[in-house]
Amino acid sequence: MEFSKIEEAINDIKRGKLVIVVDDENRENEGDLVLAAEKVTANKINYMITHARGLVCMPLIRQRLEDLEIPPMINHNEINRCMFAMSVDYKHGTTTGISPADRAATIKALIDGKSKNEDFIMPGHLFPLVYKEGGVLARQGHTEASVDLAKLAGLYPASVICEIINEDGTMAKLPDLFEFSKKHNDMKIISIKDLVDYTKKNKKFSISEEKSLIYG
């Protein structure tokens, strides 16, 4: 069992494909399906819900959440835990907010530079996660890895992630994740450790640089 090359994952992210990102054995030791937020569709959200079975979340940079006046879910968070912002639904052209189409619409609205706070309902069914500045060099989590992949692909610095859960309800570990990859047309699978190494070696990419927040 071998991980895919980081360059292969970046290329798939750029093309709007899903990839599997695995964290360290000393952390969660779990895998998430990852998609660039800029490439979201209702069909892709439905695929994640159906096959990964976890919670659909949207990592994005703190500044964007502040611009939209979306507050943290809690003011204090345990070290190394995901930092959730208040869950949201886009209020225009959606129904309950839970359908794949509604969640895709919410994701698109969150990265649309024309959107404002009043365009969203809180709480909702889409869970933003706050990206830690410095990316995987600062925190080796799925939140940071997924946004860094989008940035490396030249896309808006936001992503959509969903934990992969086995059919029996247990969390998928490394052997399960490689089997998942094989079952789903050899989906690219990478480790956050390899992404950290790639980031350190790649002189062309500065993890601290943010792409423009105005999209669309």
N, C-alpha and C. Protein backbone atom coordinates (compact mmCIF):
# COMPACT_ATOMS: atom_id res chain seq x y z
N MET A 1 0.85 -1.19 0.00
CA MET A 1 0.00 0.00 0.00
C MET A 1 0.88 1.24 0.00
N GLU A 2 0.73 2.06 -1.01
CA GLU A 2 1.53 3.28 -1.13
C GLU A 2 0.62 4.49 -1.32
N PHE A 3 1.03 5.58 -0.71
CA PHE A 3 0.30 6.82 -0.90
C PHE A 3 0.57 7.39 -2.29
N SER A 4 -0.39 8.15 -2.79
CA SER A 4 -0.21 8.85 -4.06
C SER A 4 0.77 10.00 -3.87
N LYS A 5 1.31 10.48 -4.97
CA LYS A 5 2.18 11.65 -4.92
C LYS A 5 1.33 12.90 -4.68
N ILE A 6 1.89 13.84 -3.95
CA ILE A 6 1.18 15.08 -3.66
C ILE A 6 0.79 15.80 -4.95
N GLU A 7 1.68 15.79 -5.93
CA GLU A 7 1.39 16.44 -7.21
C GLU A 7 0.16 15.84 -7.88
N GLU A 8 -0.02 14.52 -7.74
CA GLU A 8 -1.18 13.86 -8.33
C GLU A 8 -2.47 14.32 -7.65
N ALA A 9 -2.41 14.46 -6.33
CA ALA A 9 -3.59 14.92 -5.59
C ALA A 9 -3.93 16.37 -5.95
N ILE A 10 -2.90 17.20 -6.07
CA ILE A 10 -3.12 18.61 -6.43
C ILE A 10 -3.79 18.70 -7.80
N ASN A 11 -3.32 17.89 -8.73
CA ASN A 11 -3.90 17.89 -10.08
C ASN A 11 -5.37 17.47 -10.05
N ASP A 12 -5.69 16.45 -9.26
CA ASP A 12 -7.08 16.01 -9.16
C ASP A 12 -7.95 17.07 -8.49
N ILE A 13 -7.43 17.71 -7.46
CA ILE A 13 -8.17 18.80 -6.80
C ILE A 13 -8.46 19.91 -7.80
N LYS A 14 -7.47 20.25 -8.60
CA LYS A 14 -7.62 21.30 -9.61
C LYS A 14 -8.71 20.95 -10.61
N ARG A 15 -8.85 19.65 -10.90
CA ARG A 15 -9.84 19.18 -11.87
C ARG A 15 -11.22 18.95 -11.25
N GLY A 16 -11.34 19.21 -9.96
CA GLY A 16 -12.63 19.05 -9.30
C GLY A 16 -12.92 17.65 -8.83
N LYS A 17 -11.88 16.83 -8.70
CA LYS A 17 -12.07 15.46 -8.24
C LYS A 17 -11.87 15.38 -6.73
N LEU A 18 -12.39 14.32 -6.16
CA LEU A 18 -12.22 14.06 -4.73
C LEU A 18 -10.92 13.31 -4.49
N VAL A 19 -10.28 13.59 -3.37
CA VAL A 19 -9.11 12.84 -2.94
C VAL A 19 -9.29 12.47 -1.47
N ILE A 20 -8.53 11.47 -1.03
CA ILE A 20 -8.55 11.05 0.37
C ILE A 20 -7.31 11.61 1.06
N VAL A 21 -7.51 12.23 2.21
CA VAL A 21 -6.39 12.77 2.99
C VAL A 21 -6.38 12.09 4.35
N VAL A 22 -5.23 11.53 4.70
CA VAL A 22 -5.08 10.75 5.93
C VAL A 22 -4.16 11.49 6.89
N ASP A 23 -4.56 11.58 8.15
CA ASP A 23 -3.68 12.24 9.11
C ASP A 23 -2.80 11.23 9.83
N ASP A 24 -2.03 11.70 10.80
CA ASP A 24 -1.00 10.90 11.45
C ASP A 24 -1.60 9.89 12.42
N GLU A 25 -0.88 8.80 12.64
CA GLU A 25 -1.32 7.78 13.58
C GLU A 25 -1.46 8.35 14.99
N ASN A 26 -0.66 9.36 15.30
CA ASN A 26 -0.69 9.95 16.64
C ASN A 26 -1.82 10.95 16.82
N ARG A 27 -2.54 11.27 15.73
CA ARG A 27 -3.69 12.16 15.85
C ARG A 27 -4.96 11.32 15.75
N GLU A 28 -5.84 11.66 14.81
CA GLU A 28 -7.08 10.90 14.67
C GLU A 28 -6.84 9.57 13.97
N ASN A 29 -5.80 9.53 13.12
CA ASN A 29 -5.52 8.34 12.30
C ASN A 29 -6.75 7.98 11.47
N GLU A 30 -7.33 9.00 10.85
CA GLU A 30 -8.53 8.83 10.04
C GLU A 30 -8.37 9.51 8.69
N GLY A 31 -9.29 9.21 7.79
CA GLY A 31 -9.24 9.79 6.45
C GLY A 31 -10.49 10.58 6.13
N ASP A 32 -10.32 11.65 5.40
CA ASP A 32 -11.44 12.48 4.94
C ASP A 32 -11.46 12.52 3.42
N LEU A 33 -12.66 12.54 2.86
CA LEU A 33 -12.79 12.91 1.45
C LEU A 33 -12.64 14.41 1.37
N VAL A 34 -11.88 14.88 0.38
CA VAL A 34 -11.60 16.31 0.25
C VAL A 34 -11.95 16.77 -1.16
N LEU A 35 -12.60 17.93 -1.23
CA LEU A 35 -12.98 18.55 -2.49
C LEU A 35 -12.72 20.05 -2.38
N ALA A 36 -12.22 20.66 -3.44
CA ALA A 36 -12.08 22.11 -3.45
C ALA A 36 -13.46 22.75 -3.46
N ALA A 37 -13.70 23.72 -2.58
CA ALA A 37 -15.01 24.36 -2.49
C ALA A 37 -15.42 24.98 -3.82
N GLU A 38 -14.45 25.49 -4.54
CA GLU A 38 -14.73 26.14 -5.83
C GLU A 38 -15.32 25.16 -6.84
N LYS A 39 -15.11 23.87 -6.63
CA LYS A 39 -15.55 22.84 -7.57
C LYS A 39 -16.80 22.09 -7.09
N VAL A 40 -17.46 22.58 -6.07
CA VAL A 40 -18.58 21.86 -5.49
C VAL A 40 -19.77 21.78 -6.43
N THR A 41 -20.48 20.65 -6.38
CA THR A 41 -21.76 20.45 -7.04
C THR A 41 -22.65 19.65 -6.10
N ALA A 42 -23.94 19.65 -6.36
CA ALA A 42 -24.86 18.85 -5.55
C ALA A 42 -24.52 17.37 -5.66
N ASN A 43 -24.14 16.92 -6.85
CA ASN A 43 -23.81 15.51 -7.04
C ASN A 43 -22.60 15.10 -6.21
N LYS A 44 -21.61 15.99 -6.11
CA LYS A 44 -20.42 15.66 -5.33
C LYS A 44 -20.71 15.63 -3.84
N ILE A 45 -21.57 16.53 -3.37
CA ILE A 45 -21.99 16.48 -1.97
C ILE A 45 -22.75 15.19 -1.69
N ASN A 46 -23.63 14.81 -2.59
CA ASN A 46 -24.38 13.57 -2.42
C ASN A 46 -23.44 12.36 -2.39
N TYR A 47 -22.40 12.39 -3.22
CA TYR A 47 -21.41 11.31 -3.25
C TYR A 47 -20.71 11.21 -1.89
N MET A 48 -20.32 12.34 -1.34
CA MET A 48 -19.63 12.35 -0.05
C MET A 48 -20.53 11.81 1.06
N ILE A 49 -21.78 12.25 1.07
CA ILE A 49 -22.73 11.80 2.08
C ILE A 49 -22.97 10.29 1.97
N THR A 50 -23.13 9.82 0.74
CA THR A 50 -23.46 8.43 0.49
C THR A 50 -22.30 7.49 0.80
N HIS A 51 -21.11 7.85 0.38
CA HIS A 51 -19.98 6.93 0.46
C HIS A 51 -19.07 7.16 1.66
N ALA A 52 -18.91 8.41 2.09
CA ALA A 52 -18.04 8.67 3.24
C ALA A 52 -18.81 8.58 4.56
N ARG A 53 -20.05 9.05 4.55
CA ARG A 53 -20.99 8.91 5.67
C ARG A 53 -20.73 9.83 6.86
N GLY A 54 -19.68 10.64 6.81
CA GLY A 54 -19.38 11.51 7.94
C GLY A 54 -20.07 12.85 7.85
N LEU A 55 -19.61 13.79 8.67
CA LEU A 55 -20.17 15.14 8.71
C LEU A 55 -19.52 15.99 7.62
N VAL A 56 -20.35 16.62 6.81
CA VAL A 56 -19.83 17.50 5.76
C VAL A 56 -19.49 18.86 6.37
N CYS A 57 -18.23 19.24 6.26
CA CYS A 57 -17.75 20.51 6.81
C CYS A 57 -17.04 21.31 5.72
N MET A 58 -16.87 22.59 5.99
CA MET A 58 -16.23 23.47 5.02
C MET A 58 -15.11 24.28 5.68
N PRO A 59 -13.87 23.83 5.56
CA PRO A 59 -12.75 24.62 6.06
C PRO A 59 -12.53 25.87 5.19
N LEU A 60 -12.32 27.00 5.83
CA LEU A 60 -11.97 28.22 5.11
C LEU A 60 -11.25 29.17 6.06
N ILE A 61 -10.62 30.20 5.51
CA ILE A 61 -9.78 31.05 6.33
C ILE A 61 -10.60 31.97 7.22
N ARG A 62 -10.01 32.32 8.34
CA ARG A 62 -10.69 33.12 9.37
C ARG A 62 -11.22 34.45 8.83
N GLN A 63 -10.43 35.10 7.97
CA GLN A 63 -10.81 36.42 7.48
C GLN A 63 -12.14 36.39 6.76
N ARG A 64 -12.38 35.32 5.99
CA ARG A 64 -13.64 35.22 5.26
C ARG A 64 -14.82 35.11 6.23
N LEU A 65 -14.66 34.32 7.27
CA LEU A 65 -15.72 34.18 8.27
C LEU A 65 -15.96 35.50 8.99
N GLU A 66 -14.89 36.22 9.27
CA GLU A 66 -15.04 37.52 9.93
C GLU A 66 -15.74 38.51 9.01
N ASP A 67 -15.40 38.47 7.72
CA ASP A 67 -16.06 39.37 6.76
C ASP A 67 -17.57 39.12 6.71
N LEU A 68 -17.95 37.85 6.86
CA LEU A 68 -19.37 37.49 6.82
C LEU A 68 -20.03 37.55 8.20
N GLU A 69 -19.24 37.91 9.20
CA GLU A 69 -19.73 38.01 10.58
C GLU A 69 -20.33 36.69 11.06
N ILE A 70 -19.65 35.61 10.71
CA ILE A 70 -20.04 34.28 11.19
C ILE A 70 -19.17 33.98 12.41
N PRO A 71 -19.76 33.90 13.59
CA PRO A 71 -18.97 33.77 14.82
C PRO A 71 -18.49 32.33 15.06
N PRO A 72 -17.51 32.17 15.95
CA PRO A 72 -17.11 30.82 16.36
C PRO A 72 -18.28 30.12 17.05
N MET A 73 -18.31 28.79 16.97
CA MET A 73 -19.37 28.05 17.66
C MET A 73 -19.18 28.16 19.18
N ILE A 74 -17.90 28.12 19.61
CA ILE A 74 -17.56 28.34 21.02
C ILE A 74 -16.36 29.28 21.07
N ASN A 75 -16.19 29.97 22.18
CA ASN A 75 -15.10 30.94 22.29
C ASN A 75 -13.77 30.29 22.65
N HIS A 76 -13.81 29.16 23.32
CA HIS A 76 -12.58 28.47 23.71
C HIS A 76 -12.63 27.05 23.19
N ASN A 77 -11.48 26.59 22.68
CA ASN A 77 -11.43 25.27 22.08
C ASN A 77 -10.22 24.52 22.61
N GLU A 78 -10.35 23.20 22.75
CA GLU A 78 -9.21 22.40 23.20
C GLU A 78 -8.09 22.46 22.17
N ILE A 79 -6.87 22.41 22.65
CA ILE A 79 -5.71 22.44 21.76
C ILE A 79 -5.79 21.28 20.77
N ASN A 80 -5.53 21.58 19.52
CA ASN A 80 -5.47 20.60 18.43
C ASN A 80 -6.83 20.12 17.94
N ARG A 81 -7.92 20.60 18.52
CA ARG A 81 -9.24 20.21 18.04
C ARG A 81 -9.68 21.14 16.91
N CYS A 82 -10.59 20.62 16.07
CA CYS A 82 -11.13 21.45 15.00
C CYS A 82 -11.86 22.65 15.61
N MET A 83 -11.69 23.81 14.99
CA MET A 83 -12.40 25.00 15.46
C MET A 83 -13.61 25.24 14.56
N PHE A 84 -14.78 24.96 15.09
CA PHE A 84 -16.02 25.14 14.34
C PHE A 84 -16.50 26.57 14.42
N ALA A 85 -16.99 27.08 13.31
CA ALA A 85 -17.74 28.33 13.31
C ALA A 85 -19.23 27.97 13.37
N MET A 86 -20.07 28.97 13.55
CA MET A 86 -21.50 28.72 13.60
C MET A 86 -21.98 28.10 12.29
N SER A 87 -22.80 27.07 12.39
CA SER A 87 -23.33 26.42 11.19
C SER A 87 -24.29 27.36 10.46
N VAL A 88 -24.33 27.23 9.14
CA VAL A 88 -25.11 28.17 8.33
C VAL A 88 -25.89 27.48 7.22
N ASP A 89 -26.92 28.15 6.74
CA ASP A 89 -27.63 27.81 5.51
C ASP A 89 -27.73 29.07 4.67
N TYR A 90 -27.61 28.92 3.37
CA TYR A 90 -27.87 30.04 2.46
C TYR A 90 -29.38 30.17 2.36
N LYS A 91 -29.89 31.38 2.46
CA LYS A 91 -31.34 31.56 2.57
C LYS A 91 -32.06 31.77 1.23
N HIS A 92 -31.34 31.98 0.14
CA HIS A 92 -31.98 32.28 -1.13
C HIS A 92 -32.03 31.05 -2.04
N GLY A 93 -33.23 30.65 -2.41
CA GLY A 93 -33.39 29.54 -3.34
C GLY A 93 -33.17 28.17 -2.73
N THR A 94 -33.15 28.09 -1.40
CA THR A 94 -32.99 26.81 -0.73
C THR A 94 -34.26 26.49 0.06
N THR A 95 -34.33 25.26 0.56
CA THR A 95 -35.52 24.86 1.34
C THR A 95 -35.12 24.65 2.80
N THR A 96 -34.90 23.40 3.19
CA THR A 96 -34.53 23.13 4.59
C THR A 96 -33.05 23.35 4.86
N GLY A 97 -32.23 23.34 3.80
CA GLY A 97 -30.80 23.51 3.97
C GLY A 97 -30.02 22.22 4.03
N ILE A 98 -30.69 21.08 4.18
CA ILE A 98 -30.00 19.81 4.40
C ILE A 98 -29.70 19.05 3.11
N SER A 99 -30.44 19.29 2.05
CA SER A 99 -30.24 18.53 0.81
C SER A 99 -28.86 18.81 0.22
N PRO A 100 -28.33 17.88 -0.57
CA PRO A 100 -27.05 18.14 -1.25
C PRO A 100 -27.08 19.43 -2.06
N ALA A 101 -28.19 19.70 -2.73
CA ALA A 101 -28.30 20.92 -3.53
C ALA A 101 -28.24 22.16 -2.65
N ASP A 102 -28.93 22.11 -1.51
CA ASP A 102 -28.92 23.26 -0.59
C ASP A 102 -27.54 23.47 0.01
N ARG A 103 -26.88 22.38 0.39
CA ARG A 103 -25.55 22.53 0.98
C ARG A 103 -24.54 23.02 -0.05
N ALA A 104 -24.67 22.56 -1.28
CA ALA A 104 -23.79 23.05 -2.35
C ALA A 104 -24.02 24.54 -2.57
N ALA A 105 -25.28 24.97 -2.52
CA ALA A 105 -25.60 26.39 -2.68
C ALA A 105 -25.00 27.22 -1.55
N THR A 106 -25.03 26.69 -0.33
CA THR A 106 -24.44 27.38 0.81
C THR A 106 -22.93 27.52 0.66
N ILE A 107 -22.29 26.46 0.21
CA ILE A 107 -20.84 26.48 0.00
C ILE A 107 -20.47 27.53 -1.05
N LYS A 108 -21.20 27.53 -2.15
CA LYS A 108 -20.93 28.51 -3.21
C LYS A 108 -21.11 29.94 -2.70
N ALA A 109 -22.14 30.14 -1.88
CA ALA A 109 -22.40 31.48 -1.36
C ALA A 109 -21.31 31.94 -0.40
N LEU A 110 -20.75 31.01 0.37
CA LEU A 110 -19.71 31.37 1.33
C LEU A 110 -18.43 31.86 0.66
N ILE A 111 -18.19 31.44 -0.57
CA ILE A 111 -16.98 31.91 -1.26
C ILE A 111 -17.29 32.97 -2.31
N ASP A 112 -18.53 33.39 -2.36
CA ASP A 112 -18.93 34.44 -3.30
C ASP A 112 -18.69 35.81 -2.65
N GLY A 113 -17.85 36.61 -3.25
CA GLY A 113 -17.51 37.91 -2.69
C GLY A 113 -18.69 38.85 -2.54
N LYS A 114 -19.80 38.56 -3.22
CA LYS A 114 -20.98 39.42 -3.13
C LYS A 114 -21.86 39.07 -1.92
N SER A 115 -21.63 37.91 -1.32
CA SER A 115 -22.47 37.47 -0.20
C SER A 115 -22.23 38.33 1.04
N LYS A 116 -23.30 38.47 1.83
CA LYS A 116 -23.23 39.22 3.08
C LYS A 116 -23.85 38.40 4.20
N ASN A 117 -23.65 38.85 5.42
CA ASN A 117 -24.15 38.13 6.58
C ASN A 117 -25.64 37.85 6.49
N GLU A 118 -26.40 38.81 6.01
CA GLU A 118 -27.86 38.66 5.96
C GLU A 118 -28.32 37.63 4.93
N ASP A 119 -27.40 37.10 4.12
CA ASP A 119 -27.75 36.07 3.15
C ASP A 119 -27.77 34.68 3.77
N PHE A 120 -27.43 34.57 5.05
CA PHE A 120 -27.31 33.27 5.70
C PHE A 120 -28.21 33.18 6.94
N ILE A 121 -28.65 31.95 7.19
CA ILE A 121 -29.41 31.63 8.39
C ILE A 121 -28.48 30.88 9.34
N MET A 122 -28.50 31.25 10.62
CA MET A 122 -27.68 30.58 11.63
C MET A 122 -28.53 30.23 12.85
N PRO A 123 -28.44 28.99 13.35
CA PRO A 123 -27.61 27.90 12.85
C PRO A 123 -28.23 27.24 11.62
N GLY A 124 -27.40 26.45 10.93
CA GLY A 124 -27.86 25.79 9.71
C GLY A 124 -27.32 24.38 9.61
N HIS A 125 -27.12 23.92 8.39
CA HIS A 125 -26.73 22.52 8.16
C HIS A 125 -25.34 22.36 7.55
N LEU A 126 -24.65 23.45 7.32
CA LEU A 126 -23.29 23.41 6.77
C LEU A 126 -22.35 23.94 7.85
N PHE A 127 -21.29 23.18 8.13
CA PHE A 127 -20.42 23.49 9.26
C PHE A 127 -19.07 24.04 8.81
N PRO A 128 -18.87 25.35 8.91
CA PRO A 128 -17.56 25.92 8.57
C PRO A 128 -16.52 25.56 9.65
N LEU A 129 -15.30 25.35 9.20
CA LEU A 129 -14.17 25.12 10.10
C LEU A 129 -13.14 26.21 9.87
N VAL A 130 -12.54 26.70 10.93
CA VAL A 130 -11.57 27.79 10.83
C VAL A 130 -10.18 27.24 10.55
N TYR A 131 -9.64 27.63 9.40
CA TYR A 131 -8.28 27.25 8.98
C TYR A 131 -7.25 28.00 9.82
N LYS A 132 -6.26 27.29 10.32
CA LYS A 132 -5.20 27.92 11.11
C LYS A 132 -4.15 28.50 10.18
N GLU A 133 -3.89 29.79 10.32
CA GLU A 133 -2.89 30.44 9.48
C GLU A 133 -1.54 29.74 9.61
N GLY A 134 -0.91 29.49 8.49
CA GLY A 134 0.32 28.71 8.46
C GLY A 134 0.09 27.31 7.93
N GLY A 135 -1.19 26.92 7.82
CA GLY A 135 -1.53 25.64 7.19
C GLY A 135 -0.95 24.44 7.91
N VAL A 136 -0.56 23.44 7.12
CA VAL A 136 -0.06 22.20 7.71
C VAL A 136 1.26 22.37 8.44
N LEU A 137 1.94 23.49 8.21
CA LEU A 137 3.16 23.76 8.97
C LEU A 137 2.84 24.22 10.39
N ALA A 138 1.60 24.68 10.59
CA ALA A 138 1.18 25.13 11.92
C ALA A 138 0.32 24.10 12.63
N ARG A 139 -0.48 23.37 11.88
CA ARG A 139 -1.37 22.35 12.45
C ARG A 139 -1.59 21.27 11.41
N GLN A 140 -1.33 20.03 11.78
CA GLN A 140 -1.41 18.93 10.82
C GLN A 140 -2.80 18.28 10.85
N GLY A 141 -3.81 19.08 10.54
CA GLY A 141 -5.18 18.58 10.54
C GLY A 141 -5.78 18.56 9.15
N HIS A 142 -6.92 17.89 9.01
CA HIS A 142 -7.60 17.83 7.72
C HIS A 142 -8.06 19.22 7.27
N THR A 143 -8.41 20.07 8.23
CA THR A 143 -8.83 21.43 7.89
C THR A 143 -7.74 22.15 7.12
N GLU A 144 -6.52 22.14 7.67
CA GLU A 144 -5.41 22.85 7.05
C GLU A 144 -4.95 22.16 5.77
N ALA A 145 -4.89 20.84 5.78
CA ALA A 145 -4.44 20.11 4.60
C ALA A 145 -5.36 20.35 3.41
N SER A 146 -6.65 20.35 3.64
CA SER A 146 -7.60 20.50 2.54
C SER A 146 -7.55 21.89 1.92
N VAL A 147 -7.41 22.92 2.76
CA VAL A 147 -7.30 24.28 2.24
C VAL A 147 -5.96 24.48 1.53
N ASP A 148 -4.90 23.91 2.08
CA ASP A 148 -3.59 24.02 1.43
C ASP A 148 -3.61 23.36 0.05
N LEU A 149 -4.31 22.25 -0.08
CA LEU A 149 -4.42 21.60 -1.40
C LEU A 149 -5.13 22.51 -2.39
N ALA A 150 -6.19 23.16 -1.95
CA ALA A 150 -6.90 24.09 -2.83
C ALA A 150 -5.99 25.24 -3.25
N LYS A 151 -5.23 25.76 -2.30
CA LYS A 151 -4.31 26.85 -2.61
C LYS A 151 -3.22 26.40 -3.57
N LEU A 152 -2.68 25.23 -3.34
CA LEU A 152 -1.65 24.69 -4.24
C LEU A 152 -2.19 24.47 -5.64
N ALA A 153 -3.49 24.20 -5.74
CA ALA A 153 -4.13 24.00 -7.04
C ALA A 153 -4.51 25.32 -7.69
N GLY A 154 -4.24 26.44 -7.02
CA GLY A 154 -4.57 27.75 -7.58
C GLY A 154 -6.03 28.11 -7.46
N LEU A 155 -6.72 27.50 -6.50
CA LEU A 155 -8.16 27.72 -6.33
C LEU A 155 -8.43 28.54 -5.07
N TYR A 156 -9.70 28.91 -4.90
CA TYR A 156 -10.10 29.67 -3.71
C TYR A 156 -9.71 28.89 -2.46
N PRO A 157 -9.19 29.57 -1.42
CA PRO A 157 -8.71 28.88 -0.22
C PRO A 157 -9.83 28.40 0.70
N ALA A 158 -10.56 27.42 0.21
CA ALA A 158 -11.64 26.80 0.98
C ALA A 158 -11.87 25.41 0.41
N SER A 159 -12.40 24.53 1.24
CA SER A 159 -12.60 23.15 0.79
C SER A 159 -13.86 22.57 1.41
N VAL A 160 -14.19 21.37 1.01
CA VAL A 160 -15.28 20.61 1.60
C VAL A 160 -14.70 19.27 2.02
N ILE A 161 -14.95 18.86 3.25
CA ILE A 161 -14.40 17.60 3.74
C ILE A 161 -15.49 16.77 4.41
N CYS A 162 -15.26 15.47 4.44
CA CYS A 162 -16.21 14.55 5.08
C CYS A 162 -15.45 13.31 5.55
N GLU A 163 -15.59 12.97 6.84
CA GLU A 163 -14.91 11.81 7.38
C GLU A 163 -15.42 10.53 6.72
N ILE A 164 -14.51 9.59 6.53
CA ILE A 164 -14.88 8.30 5.93
C ILE A 164 -15.16 7.30 7.05
N ILE A 165 -16.37 6.76 7.02
CA ILE A 165 -16.84 5.81 8.03
C ILE A 165 -17.13 4.48 7.34
N ASN A 166 -16.74 3.39 7.97
CA ASN A 166 -17.01 2.06 7.41
C ASN A 166 -18.50 1.74 7.44
N GLU A 167 -18.88 0.74 6.65
CA GLU A 167 -20.28 0.34 6.58
C GLU A 167 -20.82 -0.12 7.93
N ASP A 168 -19.93 -0.66 8.79
CA ASP A 168 -20.39 -1.14 10.10
C ASP A 168 -20.44 -0.03 11.15
N GLY A 169 -20.15 1.20 10.73
CA GLY A 169 -20.25 2.33 11.64
C GLY A 169 -18.96 2.71 12.35
N THR A 170 -17.91 1.92 12.17
CA THR A 170 -16.61 2.26 12.76
C THR A 170 -15.86 3.23 11.86
N MET A 171 -14.93 3.97 12.45
CA MET A 171 -14.13 4.91 11.66
C MET A 171 -13.14 4.15 10.80
N ALA A 172 -13.04 4.56 9.55
CA ALA A 172 -12.12 3.90 8.61
C ALA A 172 -10.68 4.26 8.97
N LYS A 173 -9.86 3.23 9.16
CA LYS A 173 -8.43 3.42 9.42
C LYS A 173 -7.66 3.12 8.13
N LEU A 174 -6.33 3.17 8.21
CA LEU A 174 -5.53 3.14 6.99
C LEU A 174 -5.83 1.97 6.05
N PRO A 175 -5.89 0.72 6.53
CA PRO A 175 -6.21 -0.38 5.60
C PRO A 175 -7.58 -0.19 4.94
N ASP A 176 -8.55 0.29 5.72
CA ASP A 176 -9.89 0.54 5.18
C ASP A 176 -9.85 1.64 4.12
N LEU A 177 -9.03 2.65 4.36
CA LEU A 177 -8.95 3.79 3.45
C LEU A 177 -8.32 3.40 2.11
N PHE A 178 -7.31 2.54 2.16
CA PHE A 178 -6.73 2.06 0.91
C PHE A 178 -7.74 1.20 0.14
N GLU A 179 -8.54 0.43 0.86
CA GLU A 179 -9.58 -0.37 0.22
C GLU A 179 -10.64 0.55 -0.38
N PHE A 180 -10.99 1.61 0.33
CA PHE A 180 -11.95 2.60 -0.16
C PHE A 180 -11.43 3.22 -1.45
N SER A 181 -10.15 3.57 -1.46
CA SER A 181 -9.53 4.15 -2.65
C SER A 181 -9.64 3.21 -3.84
N LYS A 182 -9.32 1.94 -3.60
CA LYS A 182 -9.37 0.94 -4.67
C LYS A 182 -10.79 0.77 -5.19
N LYS A 183 -11.75 0.74 -4.28
CA LYS A 183 -13.15 0.54 -4.65
C LYS A 183 -13.69 1.71 -5.46
N HIS A 184 -13.15 2.90 -5.20
CA HIS A 184 -13.65 4.10 -5.87
C HIS A 184 -12.67 4.57 -6.94
N ASN A 185 -12.44 3.68 -7.88
CA ASN A 185 -11.65 3.99 -9.09
C ASN A 185 -10.24 4.50 -8.78
N ASP A 186 -9.61 3.85 -7.79
CA ASP A 186 -8.24 4.23 -7.41
C ASP A 186 -8.13 5.72 -7.10
N MET A 187 -9.05 6.19 -6.31
CA MET A 187 -9.03 7.59 -5.87
C MET A 187 -7.69 7.89 -5.21
N LYS A 188 -7.14 9.06 -5.50
CA LYS A 188 -5.84 9.43 -4.93
C LYS A 188 -5.95 9.52 -3.40
N ILE A 189 -4.93 9.00 -2.74
CA ILE A 189 -4.89 9.01 -1.28
C ILE A 189 -3.52 9.50 -0.83
N ILE A 190 -3.51 10.54 0.00
CA ILE A 190 -2.25 11.12 0.45
C ILE A 190 -2.25 11.25 1.97
N SER A 191 -1.05 11.39 2.53
CA SER A 191 -0.91 11.63 3.96
C SER A 191 -0.59 13.09 4.22
N ILE A 192 -1.04 13.59 5.35
CA ILE A 192 -0.71 14.96 5.72
C ILE A 192 0.79 15.11 5.94
N LYS A 193 1.43 14.07 6.45
CA LYS A 193 2.88 14.11 6.64
C LYS A 193 3.59 14.38 5.32
N ASP A 194 3.16 13.71 4.25
CA ASP A 194 3.77 13.94 2.94
C ASP A 194 3.49 15.36 2.44
N LEU A 195 2.31 15.88 2.76
CA LEU A 195 1.98 17.25 2.36
C LEU A 195 2.85 18.26 3.10
N VAL A 196 3.14 17.99 4.37
CA VAL A 196 4.04 18.85 5.14
C VAL A 196 5.42 18.86 4.49
N ASP A 197 5.92 17.67 4.16
CA ASP A 197 7.24 17.56 3.52
C ASP A 197 7.25 18.29 2.18
N TYR A 198 6.19 18.13 1.40
CA TYR A 198 6.10 18.78 0.10
C TYR A 198 6.10 20.29 0.25
N THR A 199 5.36 20.78 1.23
CA THR A 199 5.27 22.22 1.46
C THR A 199 6.63 22.81 1.84
N LYS A 200 7.36 22.09 2.68
CA LYS A 200 8.69 22.56 3.10
C LYS A 200 9.67 22.62 1.93
N LYS A 201 9.52 21.66 1.00
CA LYS A 201 10.47 21.56 -0.11
C LYS A 201 10.11 22.46 -1.29
N ASN A 202 8.83 22.81 -1.40
CA ASN A 202 8.37 23.55 -2.57
C ASN A 202 8.62 25.04 -2.37
N LYS A 203 9.64 25.55 -2.99
CA LYS A 203 10.04 26.95 -2.82
C LYS A 203 9.05 27.90 -3.49
N LYS A 204 8.26 27.41 -4.44
CA LYS A 204 7.37 28.28 -5.21
C LYS A 204 6.10 28.62 -4.44
N PHE A 205 5.85 27.90 -3.36
CA PHE A 205 4.59 28.09 -2.65
C PHE A 205 4.84 28.54 -1.22
N SER A 206 4.28 29.65 -0.86
CA SER A 206 4.38 30.14 0.51
C SER A 206 3.05 29.90 1.21
N ILE A 207 3.06 29.10 2.26
CA ILE A 207 1.83 28.69 2.91
C ILE A 207 1.11 29.87 3.56
N SER A 208 1.85 30.97 3.81
CA SER A 208 1.24 32.12 4.48
C SER A 208 0.51 33.04 3.52
N GLU A 209 0.75 32.85 2.20
CA GLU A 209 0.10 33.72 1.23
C GLU A 209 -1.34 33.31 1.03
N GLU A 210 -2.25 34.27 1.04
CA GLU A 210 -3.67 34.00 0.84
C GLU A 210 -4.10 34.50 -0.53
N LYS A 211 -4.86 33.67 -1.23
CA LYS A 211 -5.44 34.13 -2.49
C LYS A 211 -6.52 35.17 -2.19
N SER A 212 -6.79 36.01 -3.14
CA SER A 212 -7.82 37.04 -2.95
C SER A 212 -9.12 36.43 -2.45
N LEU A 213 -9.76 37.12 -1.51
CA LEU A 213 -11.01 36.63 -0.95
C LEU A 213 -12.20 36.90 -1.85
N ILE A 214 -12.02 37.71 -2.85
CA ILE A 214 -13.14 38.03 -3.74
C ILE A 214 -13.21 37.01 -4.85
N TYR A 215 -14.30 36.27 -4.85
CA TYR A 215 -14.48 35.22 -5.85
C TYR A 215 -15.84 35.39 -6.49
N GLY A 216 -15.89 35.29 -7.80
CA GLY A 216 -17.16 35.36 -8.50
C GLY A 216 -17.61 36.79 -8.72
